[in-house]
Amino acid sequence: MASILSLPQEPPTAEYLAYDKRPTLIAAVTAMMVLATTSVVLRFWLKQHRKVGLELDDWLIGASMLPMCGLIACAYIAMILDGVGKDFTTNIIEDEQRPRRTLQVSGQVH
């Protein structure tokens, strides 16, 4: 029985191994982080500029920025350390245990 983490029968080409979507993913995550942060900062600034008091929804959206930063940090770590954005086979070739560690962290493999 073949393992889920086994390599293909034929060796992959250099082009296949070089395929990496991490720069695109990092750009997308960064752009969304900047957009979200800018929106919240502008919201607070406009409320202060118009001399309108901050209400519960303002404080909640401000507080939601903390978990968002944690989520973004996890996304960066996954892309940089766990090979998210690269092909599964490439990750196995670079570090045979990387996919297993990633699945263990996510609780999918014991």
PDB file of N, CA and C in Angstrom:
ATOM      1  N   MET A   1       0.837  -1.175   0.000  1.00  0.00           N
ATOM      2  CA  MET A   1       0.000   0.000   0.000  1.00  0.00           C
ATOM      3  C   MET A   1       0.885   1.241   0.000  1.00  0.00           C
ATOM      4  N   ALA A   2       0.642   2.143  -0.939  1.00  0.00           N
ATOM      5  CA  ALA A   2       1.453   3.351  -1.071  1.00  0.00           C
ATOM      6  C   ALA A   2       1.069   4.363   0.000  1.00  0.00           C
ATOM      7  N   SER A   3       2.070   5.054   0.494  1.00  0.00           N
ATOM      8  CA  SER A   3       1.835   6.087   1.499  1.00  0.00           C
ATOM      9  C   SER A   3       1.308   7.350   0.833  1.00  0.00           C
ATOM     10  N   ILE A   4       0.516   8.094   1.562  1.00  0.00           N
ATOM     11  CA  ILE A   4       0.020   9.379   1.060  1.00  0.00           C
ATOM     12  C   ILE A   4       1.181  10.330   0.816  1.00  0.00           C
ATOM     13  N   LEU A   5       2.240  10.194   1.581  1.00  0.00           N
ATOM     14  CA  LEU A   5       3.380  11.097   1.485  1.00  0.00           C
ATOM     15  C   LEU A   5       4.492  10.537   0.611  1.00  0.00           C
ATOM     16  N   SER A   6       4.153   9.731  -0.383  1.00  0.00           N
ATOM     17  CA  SER A   6       5.182   9.154  -1.238  1.00  0.00           C
ATOM     18  C   SER A   6       5.388  10.004  -2.492  1.00  0.00           C
ATOM     19  N   LEU A   7       6.563   9.877  -3.060  1.00  0.00           N
ATOM     20  CA  LEU A   7       6.914  10.632  -4.263  1.00  0.00           C
ATOM     21  C   LEU A   7       6.339   9.966  -5.501  1.00  0.00           C
ATOM     22  N   PRO A   8       6.145  10.736  -6.575  1.00  0.00           N
ATOM     23  CA  PRO A   8       5.649  10.144  -7.815  1.00  0.00           C
ATOM     24  C   PRO A   8       6.711   9.226  -8.421  1.00  0.00           C
ATOM     25  N   GLN A   9       6.274   8.371  -9.354  1.00  0.00           N
ATOM     26  CA  GLN A   9       7.181   7.414  -9.983  1.00  0.00           C
ATOM     27  C   GLN A   9       8.254   8.095 -10.826  1.00  0.00           C
ATOM     28  N   GLU A  10       7.869   9.117 -11.584  1.00  0.00           N
ATOM     29  CA  GLU A  10       8.829   9.825 -12.429  1.00  0.00           C
ATOM     30  C   GLU A  10       9.315  11.075 -11.710  1.00  0.00           C
ATOM     31  N   PRO A  11      10.613  11.391 -11.835  1.00  0.00           N
ATOM     32  CA  PRO A  11      11.107  12.602 -11.169  1.00  0.00           C
ATOM     33  C   PRO A  11      10.510  13.851 -11.820  1.00  0.00           C
ATOM     34  N   PRO A  12      10.133  14.833 -11.014  1.00  0.00           N
ATOM     35  CA  PRO A  12       9.547  16.051 -11.579  1.00  0.00           C
ATOM     36  C   PRO A  12      10.591  16.898 -12.305  1.00  0.00           C
ATOM     37  N   THR A  13      10.116  17.686 -13.236  1.00  0.00           N
ATOM     38  CA  THR A  13      11.012  18.558 -14.006  1.00  0.00           C
ATOM     39  C   THR A  13      11.427  19.758 -13.144  1.00  0.00           C
ATOM     40  N   ALA A  14      12.473  20.448 -13.599  1.00  0.00           N
ATOM     41  CA  ALA A  14      12.957  21.628 -12.878  1.00  0.00           C
ATOM     42  C   ALA A  14      11.886  22.727 -12.851  1.00  0.00           C
ATOM     43  N   GLU A  15      11.132  22.864 -13.949  1.00  0.00           N
ATOM     44  CA  GLU A  15      10.059  23.868 -13.992  1.00  0.00           C
ATOM     45  C   GLU A  15       8.993  23.563 -12.945  1.00  0.00           C
ATOM     46  N   TYR A  16       8.673  22.295 -12.805  1.00  0.00           N
ATOM     47  CA  TYR A  16       7.666  21.873 -11.830  1.00  0.00           C
ATOM     48  C   TYR A  16       8.130  22.188 -10.407  1.00  0.00           C
ATOM     49  N   LEU A  17       9.397  21.904 -10.129  1.00  0.00           N
ATOM     50  CA  LEU A  17       9.934  22.148  -8.796  1.00  0.00           C
ATOM     51  C   LEU A  17      10.067  23.640  -8.500  1.00  0.00           C
ATOM     52  N   ALA A  18      10.253  24.441  -9.549  1.00  0.00           N
ATOM     53  CA  ALA A  18      10.422  25.886  -9.358  1.00  0.00           C
ATOM     54  C   ALA A  18       9.094  26.616  -9.175  1.00  0.00           C
ATOM     55  N   TYR A  19       7.983  25.949  -9.468  1.00  0.00           N
ATOM     56  CA  TYR A  19       6.663  26.578  -9.350  1.00  0.00           C
ATOM     57  C   TYR A  19       6.412  26.963  -7.896  1.00  0.00           C
ATOM     58  N   ASP A  20       6.138  28.244  -7.673  1.00  0.00           N
ATOM     59  CA  ASP A  20       5.981  28.743  -6.311  1.00  0.00           C
ATOM     60  C   ASP A  20       5.001  29.912  -6.311  1.00  0.00           C
ATOM     61  N   LYS A  21       3.868  29.729  -5.652  1.00  0.00           N
ATOM     62  CA  LYS A  21       2.858  30.789  -5.580  1.00  0.00           C
ATOM     63  C   LYS A  21       3.006  31.651  -4.330  1.00  0.00           C
ATOM     64  N   ARG A  22       4.036  31.409  -3.540  1.00  0.00           N
ATOM     65  CA  ARG A  22       4.184  32.159  -2.295  1.00  0.00           C
ATOM     66  C   ARG A  22       4.276  33.669  -2.501  1.00  0.00           C
ATOM     67  N   PRO A  23       5.028  34.177  -3.473  1.00  0.00           N
ATOM     68  CA  PRO A  23       5.053  35.639  -3.644  1.00  0.00           C
ATOM     69  C   PRO A  23       3.663  36.223  -3.905  1.00  0.00           C
ATOM     70  N   THR A  24       2.849  35.529  -4.690  1.00  0.00           N
ATOM     71  CA  THR A  24       1.491  35.997  -4.967  1.00  0.00           C
ATOM     72  C   THR A  24       0.639  35.939  -3.705  1.00  0.00           C
ATOM     73  N   LEU A  25       0.764  34.857  -2.947  1.00  0.00           N
ATOM     74  CA  LEU A  25      -0.009  34.724  -1.704  1.00  0.00           C
ATOM     75  C   LEU A  25       0.396  35.773  -0.677  1.00  0.00           C
ATOM     76  N   ILE A  26       1.689  36.003  -0.542  1.00  0.00           N
ATOM     77  CA  ILE A  26       2.176  37.016   0.404  1.00  0.00           C
ATOM     78  C   ILE A  26       1.672  38.397  -0.004  1.00  0.00           C
ATOM     79  N   ALA A  27       1.694  38.695  -1.303  1.00  0.00           N
ATOM     80  CA  ALA A  27       1.197  39.986  -1.782  1.00  0.00           C
ATOM     81  C   ALA A  27      -0.296  40.134  -1.495  1.00  0.00           C
ATOM     82  N   ALA A  28      -1.065  39.082  -1.712  1.00  0.00           N
ATOM     83  CA  ALA A  28      -2.509  39.147  -1.477  1.00  0.00           C
ATOM     84  C   ALA A  28      -2.820  39.328   0.013  1.00  0.00           C
ATOM     85  N   VAL A  29      -2.154  38.570   0.869  1.00  0.00           N
ATOM     86  CA  VAL A  29      -2.384  38.677   2.309  1.00  0.00           C
ATOM     87  C   VAL A  29      -1.975  40.064   2.801  1.00  0.00           C
ATOM     88  N   THR A  30      -0.843  40.554   2.326  1.00  0.00           N
ATOM     89  CA  THR A  30      -0.378  41.876   2.734  1.00  0.00           C
ATOM     90  C   THR A  30      -1.338  42.967   2.264  1.00  0.00           C
ATOM     91  N   ALA A  31      -1.811  42.859   1.033  1.00  0.00           N
ATOM     92  CA  ALA A  31      -2.750  43.854   0.509  1.00  0.00           C
ATOM     93  C   ALA A  31      -4.034  43.879   1.326  1.00  0.00           C
ATOM     94  N   MET A  32      -4.553  42.731   1.685  1.00  0.00           N
ATOM     95  CA  MET A  32      -5.779  42.679   2.476  1.00  0.00           C
ATOM     96  C   MET A  32      -5.550  43.223   3.893  1.00  0.00           C
ATOM     97  N   MET A  33      -4.368  42.957   4.446  1.00  0.00           N
ATOM     98  CA  MET A  33      -4.048  43.480   5.771  1.00  0.00           C
ATOM     99  C   MET A  33      -3.983  45.014   5.729  1.00  0.00           C
ATOM    100  N   VAL A  34      -3.321  45.553   4.716  1.00  0.00           N
ATOM    101  CA  VAL A  34      -3.217  47.013   4.579  1.00  0.00           C
ATOM    102  C   VAL A  34      -4.596  47.622   4.366  1.00  0.00           C
ATOM    103  N   LEU A  35      -5.416  47.008   3.528  1.00  0.00           N
ATOM    104  CA  LEU A  35      -6.758  47.517   3.266  1.00  0.00           C
ATOM    105  C   LEU A  35      -7.618  47.512   4.540  1.00  0.00           C
ATOM    106  N   ALA A  36      -7.581  46.428   5.279  1.00  0.00           N
ATOM    107  CA  ALA A  36      -8.374  46.331   6.511  1.00  0.00           C
ATOM    108  C   ALA A  36      -7.897  47.339   7.550  1.00  0.00           C
ATOM    109  N   THR A  37      -6.584  47.441   7.731  1.00  0.00           N
ATOM    110  CA  THR A  37      -6.041  48.375   8.715  1.00  0.00           C
ATOM    111  C   THR A  37      -6.361  49.814   8.336  1.00  0.00           C
ATOM    112  N   THR A  38      -6.204  50.144   7.066  1.00  0.00           N
ATOM    113  CA  THR A  38      -6.510  51.493   6.596  1.00  0.00           C
ATOM    114  C   THR A  38      -7.982  51.827   6.812  1.00  0.00           C
ATOM    115  N   SER A  39      -8.857  50.886   6.543  1.00  0.00           N
ATOM    116  CA  SER A  39     -10.292  51.111   6.729  1.00  0.00           C
ATOM    117  C   SER A  39     -10.635  51.401   8.182  1.00  0.00           C
ATOM    118  N   VAL A  40     -10.058  50.640   9.095  1.00  0.00           N
ATOM    119  CA  VAL A  40     -10.360  50.836  10.510  1.00  0.00           C
ATOM    120  C   VAL A  40      -9.772  52.161  11.002  1.00  0.00           C
ATOM    121  N   VAL A  41      -8.553  52.468  10.598  1.00  0.00           N
ATOM    122  CA  VAL A  41      -7.933  53.738  11.007  1.00  0.00           C
ATOM    123  C   VAL A  41      -8.741  54.912  10.465  1.00  0.00           C
ATOM    124  N   LEU A  42      -9.155  54.848   9.210  1.00  0.00           N
ATOM    125  CA  LEU A  42      -9.975  55.919   8.636  1.00  0.00           C
ATOM    126  C   LEU A  42     -11.312  56.045   9.359  1.00  0.00           C
ATOM    127  N   ARG A  43     -11.889  54.944   9.725  1.00  0.00           N
ATOM    128  CA  ARG A  43     -13.163  54.965  10.452  1.00  0.00           C
ATOM    129  C   ARG A  43     -13.011  55.722  11.767  1.00  0.00           C
ATOM    130  N   PHE A  44     -11.950  55.397  12.539  1.00  0.00           N
ATOM    131  CA  PHE A  44     -11.714  56.076  13.807  1.00  0.00           C
ATOM    132  C   PHE A  44     -11.395  57.555  13.581  1.00  0.00           C
ATOM    133  N   TRP A  45     -10.593  57.850  12.579  1.00  0.00           N
ATOM    134  CA  TRP A  45     -10.218  59.234  12.292  1.00  0.00           C
ATOM    135  C   TRP A  45     -11.447  60.061  11.905  1.00  0.00           C
ATOM    136  N   LEU A  46     -12.304  59.505  11.037  1.00  0.00           N
ATOM    137  CA  LEU A  46     -13.501  60.233  10.624  1.00  0.00           C
ATOM    138  C   LEU A  46     -14.449  60.475  11.796  1.00  0.00           C
ATOM    139  N   LYS A  47     -14.597  59.498  12.657  1.00  0.00           N
ATOM    140  CA  LYS A  47     -15.468  59.673  13.827  1.00  0.00           C
ATOM    141  C   LYS A  47     -14.927  60.790  14.725  1.00  0.00           C
ATOM    142  N   GLN A  48     -13.607  60.835  14.888  1.00  0.00           N
ATOM    143  CA  GLN A  48     -13.003  61.867  15.716  1.00  0.00           C
ATOM    144  C   GLN A  48     -13.106  63.231  15.020  1.00  0.00           C
ATOM    145  N   HIS A  49     -12.842  63.274  13.712  1.00  0.00           N
ATOM    146  CA  HIS A  49     -12.884  64.522  12.940  1.00  0.00           C
ATOM    147  C   HIS A  49     -14.286  65.126  12.928  1.00  0.00           C
ATOM    148  N   ARG A  50     -15.299  64.286  12.843  1.00  0.00           N
ATOM    149  CA  ARG A  50     -16.694  64.759  12.827  1.00  0.00           C
ATOM    150  C   ARG A  50     -17.249  64.959  14.233  1.00  0.00           C
ATOM    151  N   LYS A  51     -16.396  64.668  15.220  1.00  0.00           N
ATOM    152  CA  LYS A  51     -16.794  64.797  16.625  1.00  0.00           C
ATOM    153  C   LYS A  51     -18.020  63.949  16.965  1.00  0.00           C
ATOM    154  N   VAL A  52     -18.015  62.746  16.384  1.00  0.00           N
ATOM    155  CA  VAL A  52     -19.060  61.763  16.672  1.00  0.00           C
ATOM    156  C   VAL A  52     -18.437  60.758  17.631  1.00  0.00           C
ATOM    157  N   GLY A  53     -19.137  60.430  18.665  1.00  0.00           N
ATOM    158  CA  GLY A  53     -18.597  59.507  19.649  1.00  0.00           C
ATOM    159  C   GLY A  53     -18.437  58.091  19.100  1.00  0.00           C
ATOM    160  N   LEU A  54     -17.453  57.395  19.649  1.00  0.00           N
ATOM    161  CA  LEU A  54     -17.243  55.994  19.288  1.00  0.00           C
ATOM    162  C   LEU A  54     -18.274  55.135  20.008  1.00  0.00           C
ATOM    163  N   GLU A  55     -18.832  54.199  19.279  1.00  0.00           N
ATOM    164  CA  GLU A  55     -19.842  53.319  19.863  1.00  0.00           C
ATOM    165  C   GLU A  55     -19.312  51.891  19.913  1.00  0.00           C
ATOM    166  N   LEU A  56     -20.160  50.982  20.349  1.00  0.00           N
ATOM    167  CA  LEU A  56     -19.742  49.594  20.535  1.00  0.00           C
ATOM    168  C   LEU A  56     -19.205  48.974  19.251  1.00  0.00           C
ATOM    169  N   ASP A  57     -19.864  49.240  18.130  1.00  0.00           N
ATOM    170  CA  ASP A  57     -19.405  48.644  16.873  1.00  0.00           C
ATOM    171  C   ASP A  57     -17.998  49.123  16.507  1.00  0.00           C
ATOM    172  N   ASP A  58     -17.665  50.366  16.834  1.00  0.00           N
ATOM    173  CA  ASP A  58     -16.316  50.872  16.560  1.00  0.00           C
ATOM    174  C   ASP A  58     -15.281  50.145  17.406  1.00  0.00           C
ATOM    175  N   TRP A  59     -15.588  49.973  18.688  1.00  0.00           N
ATOM    176  CA  TRP A  59     -14.655  49.285  19.568  1.00  0.00           C
ATOM    177  C   TRP A  59     -14.502  47.802  19.185  1.00  0.00           C
ATOM    178  N   LEU A  60     -15.582  47.189  18.752  1.00  0.00           N
ATOM    179  CA  LEU A  60     -15.507  45.781  18.352  1.00  0.00           C
ATOM    180  C   LEU A  60     -14.671  45.603  17.085  1.00  0.00           C
ATOM    181  N   ILE A  61     -14.849  46.526  16.134  1.00  0.00           N
ATOM    182  CA  ILE A  61     -14.047  46.398  14.918  1.00  0.00           C
ATOM    183  C   ILE A  61     -12.574  46.679  15.203  1.00  0.00           C
ATOM    184  N   GLY A  62     -12.317  47.597  16.134  1.00  0.00           N
ATOM    185  CA  GLY A  62     -10.940  47.845  16.544  1.00  0.00           C
ATOM    186  C   GLY A  62     -10.341  46.632  17.236  1.00  0.00           C
ATOM    187  N   ALA A  63     -11.132  46.004  18.105  1.00  0.00           N
ATOM    188  CA  ALA A  63     -10.654  44.807  18.809  1.00  0.00           C
ATOM    189  C   ALA A  63     -10.450  43.632  17.853  1.00  0.00           C
ATOM    190  N   SER A  64     -11.211  43.595  16.771  1.00  0.00           N
ATOM    191  CA  SER A  64     -11.073  42.485  15.814  1.00  0.00           C
ATOM    192  C   SER A  64      -9.754  42.532  15.050  1.00  0.00           C
ATOM    193  N   MET A  65      -9.070  43.655  15.138  1.00  0.00           N
ATOM    194  CA  MET A  65      -7.778  43.766  14.455  1.00  0.00           C
ATOM    195  C   MET A  65      -6.722  42.866  15.099  1.00  0.00           C
ATOM    196  N   LEU A  66      -6.832  42.619  16.401  1.00  0.00           N
ATOM    197  CA  LEU A  66      -5.852  41.756  17.074  1.00  0.00           C
ATOM    198  C   LEU A  66      -5.898  40.316  16.564  1.00  0.00           C
ATOM    199  N   PRO A  67      -7.054  39.666  16.534  1.00  0.00           N
ATOM    200  CA  PRO A  67      -7.064  38.309  15.980  1.00  0.00           C
ATOM    201  C   PRO A  67      -6.689  38.284  14.496  1.00  0.00           C
ATOM    202  N   MET A  68      -7.036  39.360  13.772  1.00  0.00           N
ATOM    203  CA  MET A  68      -6.663  39.418  12.359  1.00  0.00           C
ATOM    204  C   MET A  68      -5.136  39.401  12.210  1.00  0.00           C
ATOM    205  N   CYS A  69      -4.445  40.149  13.066  1.00  0.00           N
ATOM    206  CA  CYS A  69      -2.982  40.158  13.013  1.00  0.00           C
ATOM    207  C   CYS A  69      -2.413  38.765  13.321  1.00  0.00           C
ATOM    208  N   GLY A  70      -3.032  38.062  14.269  1.00  0.00           N
ATOM    209  CA  GLY A  70      -2.597  36.696  14.569  1.00  0.00           C
ATOM    210  C   GLY A  70      -2.821  35.755  13.400  1.00  0.00           C
ATOM    211  N   LEU A  71      -3.951  35.894  12.752  1.00  0.00           N
ATOM    212  CA  LEU A  71      -4.254  35.060  11.588  1.00  0.00           C
ATOM    213  C   LEU A  71      -3.275  35.333  10.452  1.00  0.00           C
ATOM    214  N   ILE A  72      -2.962  36.583  10.243  1.00  0.00           N
ATOM    215  CA  ILE A  72      -2.014  36.943   9.186  1.00  0.00           C
ATOM    216  C   ILE A  72      -0.623  36.426   9.522  1.00  0.00           C
ATOM    217  N   ALA A  73      -0.231  36.509  10.784  1.00  0.00           N
ATOM    218  CA  ALA A  73       1.066  35.966  11.192  1.00  0.00           C
ATOM    219  C   ALA A  73       1.124  34.466  10.922  1.00  0.00           C
ATOM    220  N   CYS A  74       0.036  33.753  11.227  1.00  0.00           N
ATOM    221  CA  CYS A  74      -0.016  32.311  10.948  1.00  0.00           C
ATOM    222  C   CYS A  74       0.088  32.035   9.453  1.00  0.00           C
ATOM    223  N   ALA A  75      -0.547  32.862   8.643  1.00  0.00           N
ATOM    224  CA  ALA A  75      -0.477  32.681   7.188  1.00  0.00           C
ATOM    225  C   ALA A  75       0.953  32.867   6.692  1.00  0.00           C
ATOM    226  N   TYR A  76       1.642  33.906   7.189  1.00  0.00           N
ATOM    227  CA  TYR A  76       3.041  34.119   6.791  1.00  0.00           C
ATOM    228  C   TYR A  76       3.918  32.945   7.221  1.00  0.00           C
ATOM    229  N   ILE A  77       3.729  32.481   8.450  1.00  0.00           N
ATOM    230  CA  ILE A  77       4.529  31.361   8.947  1.00  0.00           C
ATOM    231  C   ILE A  77       4.275  30.117   8.107  1.00  0.00           C
ATOM    232  N   ALA A  78       3.012  29.863   7.769  1.00  0.00           N
ATOM    233  CA  ALA A  78       2.684  28.690   6.952  1.00  0.00           C
ATOM    234  C   ALA A  78       3.333  28.781   5.576  1.00  0.00           C
ATOM    235  N   MET A  79       3.347  29.971   5.000  1.00  0.00           N
ATOM    236  CA  MET A  79       3.953  30.118   3.670  1.00  0.00           C
ATOM    237  C   MET A  79       5.468  29.995   3.730  1.00  0.00           C
ATOM    238  N   ILE A  80       6.072  30.570   4.753  1.00  0.00           N
ATOM    239  CA  ILE A  80       7.529  30.595   4.819  1.00  0.00           C
ATOM    240  C   ILE A  80       8.096  29.275   5.334  1.00  0.00           C
ATOM    241  N   LEU A  81       7.525  28.744   6.396  1.00  0.00           N
ATOM    242  CA  LEU A  81       8.096  27.549   7.024  1.00  0.00           C
ATOM    243  C   LEU A  81       7.485  26.238   6.556  1.00  0.00           C
ATOM    244  N   ASP A  82       6.189  26.230   6.251  1.00  0.00           N
ATOM    245  CA  ASP A  82       5.509  24.979   5.931  1.00  0.00           C
ATOM    246  C   ASP A  82       5.325  24.733   4.443  1.00  0.00           C
ATOM    247  N   GLY A  83       5.788  25.637   3.613  1.00  0.00           N
ATOM    248  CA  GLY A  83       5.728  25.391   2.177  1.00  0.00           C
ATOM    249  C   GLY A  83       4.375  25.627   1.537  1.00  0.00           C
ATOM    250  N   VAL A  84       3.456  26.319   2.226  1.00  0.00           N
ATOM    251  CA  VAL A  84       2.171  26.633   1.614  1.00  0.00           C
ATOM    252  C   VAL A  84       2.441  27.530   0.404  1.00  0.00           C
ATOM    253  N   GLY A  85       1.879  27.159  -0.730  1.00  0.00           N
ATOM    254  CA  GLY A  85       2.110  27.895  -1.970  1.00  0.00           C
ATOM    255  C   GLY A  85       2.991  27.126  -2.937  1.00  0.00           C
ATOM    256  N   LYS A  86       3.639  26.086  -2.437  1.00  0.00           N
ATOM    257  CA  LYS A  86       4.436  25.210  -3.287  1.00  0.00           C
ATOM    258  C   LYS A  86       3.678  23.898  -3.473  1.00  0.00           C
ATOM    259  N   ASP A  87       4.026  23.170  -4.512  1.00  0.00           N
ATOM    260  CA  ASP A  87       3.381  21.900  -4.758  1.00  0.00           C
ATOM    261  C   ASP A  87       3.756  20.888  -3.679  1.00  0.00           C
ATOM    262  N   PHE A  88       2.834  19.976  -3.409  1.00  0.00           N
ATOM    263  CA  PHE A  88       3.023  18.951  -2.391  1.00  0.00           C
ATOM    264  C   PHE A  88       4.298  18.132  -2.648  1.00  0.00           C
ATOM    265  N   THR A  89       4.509  17.742  -3.900  1.00  0.00           N
ATOM    266  CA  THR A  89       5.682  16.945  -4.245  1.00  0.00           C
ATOM    267  C   THR A  89       6.965  17.718  -3.974  1.00  0.00           C
ATOM    268  N   THR A  90       6.977  18.995  -4.301  1.00  0.00           N
ATOM    269  CA  THR A  90       8.147  19.830  -4.047  1.00  0.00           C
ATOM    270  C   THR A  90       8.432  19.898  -2.556  1.00  0.00           C
ATOM    271  N   ASN A  91       7.403  20.019  -1.755  1.00  0.00           N
ATOM    272  CA  ASN A  91       7.598  20.052  -0.307  1.00  0.00           C
ATOM    273  C   ASN A  91       8.186  18.744   0.208  1.00  0.00           C
ATOM    274  N   ILE A  92       7.746  17.633  -0.346  1.00  0.00           N
ATOM    275  CA  ILE A  92       8.287  16.333   0.080  1.00  0.00           C
ATOM    276  C   ILE A  92       9.753  16.216  -0.314  1.00  0.00           C
ATOM    277  N   ILE A  93      10.093  16.675  -1.506  1.00  0.00           N
ATOM    278  CA  ILE A  93      11.485  16.591  -1.960  1.00  0.00           C
ATOM    279  C   ILE A  93      12.380  17.471  -1.090  1.00  0.00           C
ATOM    280  N   GLU A  94      11.918  18.684  -0.755  1.00  0.00           N
ATOM    281  CA  GLU A  94      12.724  19.595   0.052  1.00  0.00           C
ATOM    282  C   GLU A  94      12.876  19.092   1.491  1.00  0.00           C
ATOM    283  N   ASP A  95      11.803  18.583   2.074  1.00  0.00           N
ATOM    284  CA  ASP A  95      11.833  18.075   3.444  1.00  0.00           C
ATOM    285  C   ASP A  95      10.733  17.029   3.574  1.00  0.00           C
ATOM    286  N   GLU A  96      11.122  15.783   3.634  1.00  0.00           N
ATOM    287  CA  GLU A  96      10.162  14.679   3.607  1.00  0.00           C
ATOM    288  C   GLU A  96       9.160  14.731   4.761  1.00  0.00           C
ATOM    289  N   GLN A  97       9.544  15.305   5.881  1.00  0.00           N
ATOM    290  CA  GLN A  97       8.658  15.348   7.050  1.00  0.00           C
ATOM    291  C   GLN A  97       7.772  16.597   7.099  1.00  0.00           C
ATOM    292  N   ARG A  98       8.003  17.569   6.219  1.00  0.00           N
ATOM    293  CA  ARG A  98       7.246  18.826   6.262  1.00  0.00           C
ATOM    294  C   ARG A  98       5.739  18.617   6.139  1.00  0.00           C
ATOM    295  N   PRO A  99       5.259  17.868   5.148  1.00  0.00           N
ATOM    296  CA  PRO A  99       3.803  17.682   5.059  1.00  0.00           C
ATOM    297  C   PRO A  99       3.213  16.985   6.281  1.00  0.00           C
ATOM    298  N   ARG A 100       3.927  16.001   6.823  1.00  0.00           N
ATOM    299  CA  ARG A 100       3.431  15.288   8.003  1.00  0.00           C
ATOM    300  C   ARG A 100       3.355  16.231   9.200  1.00  0.00           C
ATOM    301  N   ARG A 101       4.383  17.082   9.389  1.00  0.00           N
ATOM    302  CA  ARG A 101       4.358  18.046  10.497  1.00  0.00           C
ATOM    303  C   ARG A 101       3.206  19.029  10.328  1.00  0.00           C
ATOM    304  N   THR A 102       2.979  19.479   9.096  1.00  0.00           N
ATOM    305  CA  THR A 102       1.892  20.421   8.839  1.00  0.00           C
ATOM    306  C   THR A 102       0.550  19.785   9.164  1.00  0.00           C
ATOM    307  N   LEU A 103       0.359  18.541   8.763  1.00  0.00           N
ATOM    308  CA  LEU A 103      -0.891  17.853   9.061  1.00  0.00           C
ATOM    309  C   LEU A 103      -1.041  17.583  10.556  1.00  0.00           C
ATOM    310  N   GLN A 104       0.073  17.309  11.248  1.00  0.00           N
ATOM    311  CA  GLN A 104      -0.003  17.072  12.679  1.00  0.00           C
ATOM    312  C   GLN A 104      -0.396  18.346  13.415  1.00  0.00           C
ATOM    313  N   VAL A 105       0.177  19.475  13.003  1.00  0.00           N
ATOM    314  CA  VAL A 105      -0.161  20.751  13.643  1.00  0.00           C
ATOM    315  C   VAL A 105      -1.640  21.067  13.451  1.00  0.00           C
ATOM    316  N   SER A 106      -2.170  20.760  12.275  1.00  0.00           N
ATOM    317  CA  SER A 106      -3.575  21.054  12.011  1.00  0.00           C
ATOM    318  C   SER A 106      -4.510  19.993  12.618  1.00  0.00           C
ATOM    319  N   GLY A 107      -3.941  18.940  13.202  1.00  0.00           N
ATOM    320  CA  GLY A 107      -4.738  17.929  13.870  1.00  0.00           C
ATOM    321  C   GLY A 107      -5.320  16.871  12.949  1.00  0.00           C
ATOM    322  N   GLN A 108      -4.830  16.786  11.704  1.00  0.00           N
ATOM    323  CA  GLN A 108      -5.375  15.835  10.754  1.00  0.00           C
ATOM    324  C   GLN A 108      -4.650  14.484  10.779  1.00  0.00           C
ATOM    325  N   VAL A 109      -3.452  14.437  11.349  1.00  0.00           N
ATOM    326  CA  VAL A 109      -2.690  13.183  11.455  1.00  0.00           C
ATOM    327  C   VAL A 109      -2.202  13.082  12.896  1.00  0.00           C
ATOM    328  N   HIS A 110      -2.256  11.889  13.446  1.00  0.00           N
ATOM    329  CA  HIS A 110      -1.822  11.701  14.829  1.00  0.00           C
ATOM    330  C   HIS A 110      -0.475  11.031  14.860  1.00  0.00           C
TER     331      HIS A 110
END
